[in-house]
Amino acid sequence: MASRALQEATLLVLTALSRGSRHDHGIIADVQEISGGRVKLRPGTLYTALDQLRAAGLVGVDREEIVANRPRRYYRLIPAPRDQLIPAPRNQPAPGPELRAGDADREAAAAALGEHFAQGRLTFAEFLARLDAALTATMQSEIAHTARDLPQL
C-alpha cells in the first residue's frame, strides 16, 4: 500500500512541477489543490518522491535562496531527450480537425497514465516518458498518442 501511495505522490509531484518551478511548500500546496484536497503530502513523502525523480534525471534544482534565515530550494522538471519520447505514428491520416489540448485534457491524461503505471502496465521509464509527452502536448491527438496501446479506463 505504501508503494502505491508513493507512486501517486510521484505522479502528483510531477504534475505540480509541470506548472513551473516550485519550492517544497509550494509543491505540497499544489498537490493538495490538484487532488481536490484528497492528498496532503507530508515532507518525508515529498522528499522521497523528489529523490527518486532526481535520481531518474526528471527533476532538478532550479535555484536556492535564503528566506527568514532558512534555505529554500526550488525544483523544476528536466525535459526528456527527444530520443526518449514516444515516436509519432507514420502514414496515419488525421481522424478530423486537430483540436488544441487544454490543461484539463493534460491532467486527465496524466491521471490515466498514473493509473496504468499503478496497475503495472507501464514501467517507470515508460510512464515518465509518456507523462512528459502528455504534459507538454498542445494537441489532443498528441495526448491520445500517449495511451494508444493501453486499454480504456
Protein backbone atom coordinates (compact mmCIF):
# COMPACT_ATOMS: atom_id res chain seq x y z
CA MET A 1 0.00 0.00 0.00
CA ALA A 2 2.83 2.43 0.79
CA SER A 3 4.30 1.75 -2.66
CA ARG A 4 1.03 2.76 -4.36
CA ALA A 5 0.86 5.92 -2.23
CA LEU A 6 4.41 6.80 -3.22
CA GLN A 7 3.59 6.21 -6.90
CA GLU A 8 0.61 8.52 -6.61
CA ALA A 9 2.72 11.10 -4.78
CA THR A 10 5.35 10.93 -7.52
CA LEU A 11 2.72 11.48 -10.21
CA LEU A 12 1.23 14.40 -8.31
CA VAL A 13 4.66 15.96 -7.73
CA LEU A 14 5.38 15.72 -11.47
CA THR A 15 2.02 17.29 -12.23
CA ALA A 16 2.69 20.12 -9.77
CA LEU A 17 6.12 20.77 -11.30
CA SER A 18 4.59 20.84 -14.79
CA ARG A 19 3.20 24.24 -13.74
CA GLY A 20 6.73 25.58 -13.30
CA SER A 21 9.50 25.85 -10.72
CA ARG A 22 8.26 25.26 -7.14
CA HIS A 23 9.72 25.09 -3.65
CA ASP A 24 8.78 22.28 -1.26
CA HIS A 25 5.85 24.03 0.42
CA GLY A 26 4.59 25.18 -2.99
CA ILE A 27 4.65 21.60 -4.25
CA ILE A 28 2.75 20.39 -1.19
CA ALA A 29 0.10 23.11 -1.72
CA ASP A 30 -0.18 22.35 -5.45
CA VAL A 31 -0.58 18.62 -4.82
CA GLN A 32 -3.39 19.32 -2.38
CA GLU A 33 -5.07 21.59 -4.95
CA ILE A 34 -4.58 19.17 -7.87
CA SER A 35 -6.05 16.29 -5.86
CA GLY A 36 -9.03 18.37 -4.74
CA GLY A 37 -7.81 18.22 -1.13
CA ARG A 38 -7.71 14.41 -1.12
CA VAL A 39 -3.90 14.15 -0.87
CA LYS A 40 -1.91 16.03 1.76
CA LEU A 41 1.75 15.25 1.24
CA ARG A 42 3.99 15.03 4.24
CA PRO A 43 7.55 16.31 3.85
CA GLY A 44 9.04 12.80 4.09
CA THR A 45 6.86 11.55 1.23
CA LEU A 46 7.63 14.64 -0.83
CA TYR A 47 11.40 14.34 -0.39
CA THR A 48 11.35 10.60 -1.13
CA ALA A 49 9.46 11.29 -4.38
CA LEU A 50 11.81 14.17 -5.25
CA ASP A 51 14.87 11.97 -4.57
CA GLN A 52 13.51 9.28 -6.91
CA LEU A 53 12.70 11.84 -9.60
CA ARG A 54 16.13 13.48 -9.28
CA ALA A 55 17.84 10.08 -9.48
CA ALA A 56 15.84 9.34 -12.65
CA GLY A 57 17.01 12.65 -14.14
CA LEU A 58 13.50 14.08 -14.40
CA VAL A 59 13.67 16.78 -11.75
CA GLY A 60 16.48 19.14 -10.90
CA VAL A 61 17.17 22.01 -8.54
CA ASP A 62 16.24 25.28 -10.22
CA ARG A 63 17.65 27.64 -7.59
CA GLU A 64 18.19 28.12 -3.88
CA GLU A 65 17.57 31.19 -1.77
CA ILE A 66 17.50 32.14 1.89
CA VAL A 67 14.15 33.25 3.32
CA ALA A 68 13.94 34.18 7.01
CA ASN A 69 17.40 32.64 7.59
CA ARG A 70 16.23 29.29 6.20
CA PRO A 71 17.24 27.77 2.87
CA ARG A 72 14.50 27.41 0.27
CA ARG A 73 15.17 25.11 -2.69
CA TYR A 74 13.14 25.35 -5.88
CA TYR A 75 12.69 22.29 -8.10
CA ARG A 76 11.86 22.07 -11.81
CA LEU A 77 11.22 19.43 -14.45
CA ILE A 78 14.12 18.49 -16.71
CA PRO A 79 12.93 17.95 -20.30
CA ALA A 80 13.40 14.41 -21.57
CA PRO A 81 15.78 13.99 -24.52
CA ARG A 82 13.89 13.74 -27.80
CA ASP A 83 15.06 10.16 -28.36
CA GLN A 84 13.25 9.03 -25.19
CA LEU A 85 9.89 10.41 -26.25
CA ILE A 86 7.29 8.25 -27.97
CA PRO A 87 7.73 8.42 -31.76
CA ALA A 88 4.80 9.74 -33.78
CA PRO A 89 2.92 7.17 -35.90
CA ARG A 90 3.74 7.20 -39.60
CA ASN A 91 1.36 7.34 -42.54
CA GLN A 92 -1.76 7.60 -40.42
CA PRO A 93 -4.32 10.12 -41.59
CA ALA A 94 -5.70 12.53 -39.04
CA PRO A 95 -9.19 11.49 -37.87
CA GLY A 96 -10.51 15.03 -38.28
CA PRO A 97 -9.60 18.59 -37.49
CA GLU A 98 -6.82 18.97 -34.96
CA LEU A 99 -8.08 20.26 -31.64
CA ARG A 100 -5.88 22.04 -29.13
CA ALA A 101 -5.45 20.40 -25.75
CA GLY A 102 -6.27 22.22 -22.53
CA ASP A 103 -4.94 21.86 -19.01
CA ALA A 104 -7.88 19.62 -18.09
CA ASP A 105 -7.04 17.27 -21.01
CA ARG A 106 -3.38 17.06 -19.93
CA GLU A 107 -4.27 16.47 -16.27
CA ALA A 108 -6.79 13.75 -17.19
CA ALA A 109 -4.16 12.04 -19.34
CA ALA A 110 -1.60 12.27 -16.51
CA ALA A 111 -4.07 10.70 -14.08
CA ALA A 112 -4.89 7.88 -16.53
CA LEU A 113 -1.20 7.19 -17.16
CA GLY A 114 -0.62 7.13 -13.40
CA GLU A 115 -3.35 4.53 -13.01
CA HIS A 116 -1.85 2.38 -15.79
CA PHE A 117 1.54 2.66 -14.04
CA ALA A 118 -0.03 1.72 -10.69
CA GLN A 119 -1.63 -1.34 -12.33
CA GLY A 120 1.74 -2.44 -13.74
CA ARG A 121 1.03 -1.80 -17.41
CA LEU A 122 3.91 0.68 -17.71
CA THR A 123 7.45 0.59 -16.42
CA PHE A 124 8.68 3.65 -14.53
CA ALA A 125 10.70 4.81 -17.56
CA GLU A 126 7.73 4.33 -19.92
CA PHE A 127 5.44 6.15 -17.50
CA LEU A 128 7.80 9.11 -17.21
CA ALA A 129 8.33 9.42 -20.97
CA ARG A 130 4.59 9.26 -21.65
CA LEU A 131 3.83 11.66 -18.79
CA ASP A 132 6.30 14.17 -20.21
CA ALA A 133 4.70 13.85 -23.65
CA ALA A 134 1.17 14.25 -22.22
CA LEU A 135 2.04 17.26 -20.05
CA THR A 136 3.77 19.09 -22.92
CA ALA A 137 1.20 18.21 -25.60
CA THR A 138 -0.50 21.06 -27.39
CA MET A 139 -2.94 18.99 -29.47
CA GLN A 140 -5.45 16.37 -28.34
CA SER A 141 -4.06 13.88 -30.87
CA GLU A 142 -0.66 14.10 -29.12
CA ILE A 143 -2.33 13.28 -25.80
CA ALA A 144 -4.25 10.36 -27.35
CA HIS A 145 -0.96 9.05 -28.77
CA THR A 146 0.49 8.64 -25.25
CA ALA A 147 -2.09 5.96 -24.39
CA ARG A 148 -2.70 4.46 -27.83
CA ASP A 149 -1.66 0.94 -26.78
CA LEU A 150 -3.35 0.95 -23.34
CA PRO A 151 -6.89 -0.16 -22.50
CA GLN A 152 -9.51 2.46 -21.77
CA LEU A 153 -10.07 3.13 -18.08
